N, C-alpha and C. Protein backbone atom coordinates (compact mmCIF):
# COMPACT_ATOMS: atom_id res chain seq x y z
N MET A 1 -75.02 22.26 91.26
CA MET A 1 -74.16 23.36 90.89
C MET A 1 -74.48 24.62 91.70
N GLU A 2 -75.77 24.95 91.86
CA GLU A 2 -76.15 26.11 92.65
C GLU A 2 -75.61 26.00 94.06
N ARG A 3 -75.80 24.82 94.67
CA ARG A 3 -75.35 24.63 96.04
C ARG A 3 -73.85 24.88 96.16
N ALA A 4 -73.06 24.35 95.25
CA ALA A 4 -71.61 24.51 95.30
C ALA A 4 -71.22 25.99 95.21
N LEU A 5 -71.86 26.72 94.32
CA LEU A 5 -71.56 28.14 94.18
C LEU A 5 -71.99 28.93 95.41
N LEU A 6 -73.17 28.65 95.91
CA LEU A 6 -73.66 29.36 97.09
C LEU A 6 -72.81 29.04 98.32
N GLU A 7 -72.41 27.80 98.47
CA GLU A 7 -71.55 27.43 99.60
C GLU A 7 -70.20 28.14 99.51
N GLU A 8 -69.66 28.22 98.32
CA GLU A 8 -68.38 28.91 98.13
C GLU A 8 -68.52 30.40 98.45
N LEU A 9 -69.58 31.01 98.00
CA LEU A 9 -69.81 32.43 98.31
C LEU A 9 -70.03 32.63 99.81
N ASP A 10 -70.71 31.72 100.44
CA ASP A 10 -70.96 31.82 101.87
C ASP A 10 -69.65 31.72 102.65
N ALA A 11 -68.78 30.84 102.22
CA ALA A 11 -67.51 30.62 102.92
C ALA A 11 -66.49 31.74 102.66
N ARG A 12 -66.48 32.27 101.44
CA ARG A 12 -65.41 33.20 101.05
C ARG A 12 -65.82 34.65 100.97
N GLY A 13 -67.12 34.93 100.92
CA GLY A 13 -67.53 36.31 100.74
C GLY A 13 -67.44 36.70 99.28
N PRO A 14 -67.31 37.99 98.98
CA PRO A 14 -67.25 38.41 97.58
C PRO A 14 -66.11 37.71 96.84
N VAL A 15 -66.44 37.17 95.67
CA VAL A 15 -65.45 36.41 94.91
C VAL A 15 -65.71 36.57 93.42
N THR A 16 -64.66 36.49 92.65
CA THR A 16 -64.78 36.64 91.19
C THR A 16 -65.32 35.36 90.56
N VAL A 17 -65.83 35.52 89.38
CA VAL A 17 -66.32 34.37 88.61
C VAL A 17 -65.17 33.39 88.38
N VAL A 18 -64.00 33.89 88.07
CA VAL A 18 -62.85 33.02 87.80
C VAL A 18 -62.50 32.20 89.05
N ALA A 19 -62.48 32.85 90.21
CA ALA A 19 -62.18 32.13 91.45
C ALA A 19 -63.26 31.10 91.77
N LEU A 20 -64.52 31.46 91.52
CA LEU A 20 -65.61 30.50 91.72
C LEU A 20 -65.47 29.31 90.78
N ALA A 21 -65.11 29.57 89.55
CA ALA A 21 -64.92 28.50 88.57
C ALA A 21 -63.80 27.57 89.00
N GLU A 22 -62.70 28.13 89.46
CA GLU A 22 -61.58 27.30 89.92
C GLU A 22 -61.98 26.47 91.14
N ALA A 23 -62.66 27.09 92.09
CA ALA A 23 -63.02 26.40 93.33
C ALA A 23 -64.04 25.28 93.09
N THR A 24 -64.92 25.47 92.13
CA THR A 24 -65.97 24.48 91.88
C THR A 24 -65.66 23.57 90.70
N GLU A 25 -64.55 23.85 90.03
CA GLU A 25 -64.13 23.08 88.86
C GLU A 25 -65.17 23.11 87.74
N LEU A 26 -65.79 24.27 87.59
CA LEU A 26 -66.75 24.51 86.51
C LEU A 26 -66.15 25.51 85.53
N HIS A 27 -66.66 25.52 84.32
CA HIS A 27 -66.20 26.50 83.33
C HIS A 27 -66.70 27.89 83.74
N PRO A 28 -65.86 28.92 83.56
CA PRO A 28 -66.28 30.27 83.93
C PRO A 28 -67.59 30.72 83.28
N THR A 29 -67.85 30.32 82.05
CA THR A 29 -69.11 30.69 81.40
C THR A 29 -70.29 30.06 82.12
N THR A 30 -70.13 28.82 82.56
CA THR A 30 -71.19 28.14 83.32
C THR A 30 -71.43 28.85 84.63
N VAL A 31 -70.36 29.23 85.31
CA VAL A 31 -70.47 29.95 86.58
C VAL A 31 -71.15 31.30 86.37
N GLU A 32 -70.75 32.01 85.33
CA GLU A 32 -71.34 33.32 85.04
C GLU A 32 -72.84 33.20 84.80
N GLN A 33 -73.26 32.21 84.04
CA GLN A 33 -74.69 32.02 83.77
C GLN A 33 -75.45 31.68 85.05
N CYS A 34 -74.89 30.80 85.84
CA CYS A 34 -75.54 30.42 87.09
C CYS A 34 -75.63 31.62 88.04
N CYS A 35 -74.55 32.40 88.13
CA CYS A 35 -74.57 33.60 88.98
C CYS A 35 -75.58 34.61 88.47
N TYR A 36 -75.70 34.73 87.15
CA TYR A 36 -76.71 35.61 86.56
C TYR A 36 -78.11 35.18 87.01
N ASP A 37 -78.37 33.88 86.94
CA ASP A 37 -79.68 33.36 87.35
C ASP A 37 -79.91 33.58 88.84
N LEU A 38 -78.88 33.33 89.66
CA LEU A 38 -79.00 33.54 91.10
C LEU A 38 -79.19 35.02 91.42
N HIS A 39 -78.56 35.89 90.64
CA HIS A 39 -78.72 37.34 90.82
C HIS A 39 -80.15 37.75 90.48
N ARG A 40 -80.65 37.22 89.38
CA ARG A 40 -82.02 37.51 88.95
C ARG A 40 -83.03 37.11 90.04
N ASP A 41 -82.73 36.01 90.72
CA ASP A 41 -83.63 35.51 91.77
C ASP A 41 -83.39 36.17 93.13
N GLY A 42 -82.37 37.03 93.22
CA GLY A 42 -82.11 37.77 94.45
C GLY A 42 -81.23 37.06 95.46
N TYR A 43 -80.56 35.98 95.04
CA TYR A 43 -79.74 35.20 95.96
C TYR A 43 -78.28 35.66 96.02
N VAL A 44 -77.83 36.33 94.98
CA VAL A 44 -76.49 36.93 94.99
C VAL A 44 -76.60 38.34 94.42
N HIS A 45 -75.60 39.14 94.70
CA HIS A 45 -75.53 40.46 94.07
C HIS A 45 -74.10 40.70 93.62
N THR A 46 -73.94 41.61 92.70
CA THR A 46 -72.61 41.94 92.20
C THR A 46 -72.08 43.13 92.98
N THR A 47 -70.82 43.04 93.39
CA THR A 47 -70.19 44.16 94.09
C THR A 47 -69.42 45.02 93.10
N THR A 48 -68.78 44.40 92.14
CA THR A 48 -68.14 45.07 91.01
C THR A 48 -68.28 44.12 89.83
N SER A 49 -67.81 44.53 88.71
CA SER A 49 -67.93 43.70 87.52
C SER A 49 -67.25 42.34 87.73
N GLY A 50 -68.05 41.29 87.65
CA GLY A 50 -67.52 39.95 87.77
C GLY A 50 -67.27 39.46 89.19
N VAL A 51 -67.67 40.25 90.19
CA VAL A 51 -67.51 39.84 91.59
C VAL A 51 -68.90 39.68 92.20
N TYR A 52 -69.16 38.51 92.74
CA TYR A 52 -70.46 38.20 93.32
C TYR A 52 -70.35 37.99 94.82
N ASP A 53 -71.45 38.28 95.51
CA ASP A 53 -71.55 38.06 96.95
C ASP A 53 -72.93 37.52 97.26
N LEU A 54 -73.03 36.78 98.33
CA LEU A 54 -74.28 36.16 98.74
C LEU A 54 -75.16 37.18 99.45
N THR A 55 -76.45 37.16 99.18
CA THR A 55 -77.39 38.02 99.89
C THR A 55 -77.98 37.25 101.07
N ASP A 56 -78.70 37.95 101.93
CA ASP A 56 -79.38 37.27 103.04
C ASP A 56 -80.38 36.24 102.50
N ALA A 57 -81.06 36.61 101.43
CA ALA A 57 -82.01 35.66 100.80
C ALA A 57 -81.26 34.44 100.27
N GLY A 58 -80.06 34.64 99.77
CA GLY A 58 -79.24 33.54 99.28
C GLY A 58 -78.82 32.60 100.40
N ARG A 59 -78.49 33.17 101.56
CA ARG A 59 -78.15 32.33 102.72
C ARG A 59 -79.35 31.49 103.14
N GLN A 60 -80.50 32.10 103.16
CA GLN A 60 -81.71 31.37 103.52
C GLN A 60 -82.02 30.27 102.50
N TYR A 61 -81.90 30.61 101.23
CA TYR A 61 -82.11 29.65 100.14
C TYR A 61 -81.16 28.47 100.29
N LEU A 62 -79.89 28.76 100.61
CA LEU A 62 -78.89 27.72 100.78
C LEU A 62 -79.26 26.75 101.90
N THR A 63 -79.79 27.27 103.00
CA THR A 63 -80.16 26.39 104.10
C THR A 63 -81.32 25.48 103.75
N ASN A 64 -82.13 25.88 102.77
CA ASN A 64 -83.29 25.09 102.36
C ASN A 64 -83.04 24.18 101.17
N LEU A 65 -81.88 24.30 100.54
CA LEU A 65 -81.56 23.45 99.38
C LEU A 65 -81.26 22.03 99.85
N PRO A 66 -81.79 21.04 99.18
CA PRO A 66 -81.43 19.67 99.54
C PRO A 66 -79.97 19.40 99.19
N GLU A 67 -79.37 18.50 99.95
CA GLU A 67 -77.96 18.18 99.71
C GLU A 67 -77.76 17.23 98.60
């Protein structure tokens, strides 16, 4: 799930939770929780309410995640 969200953010740039949920076919609440965890770990940041973007640390983390 993390990989799918990070890949989507990497490809699209800042994106809403709803758009991430649609693109990954996950429930918006699931996406919000995962983004919260990724934000806590420094891999994504919020640009506005409900809009997330990938950080440089998130790009690095993505390259190291197993497929």
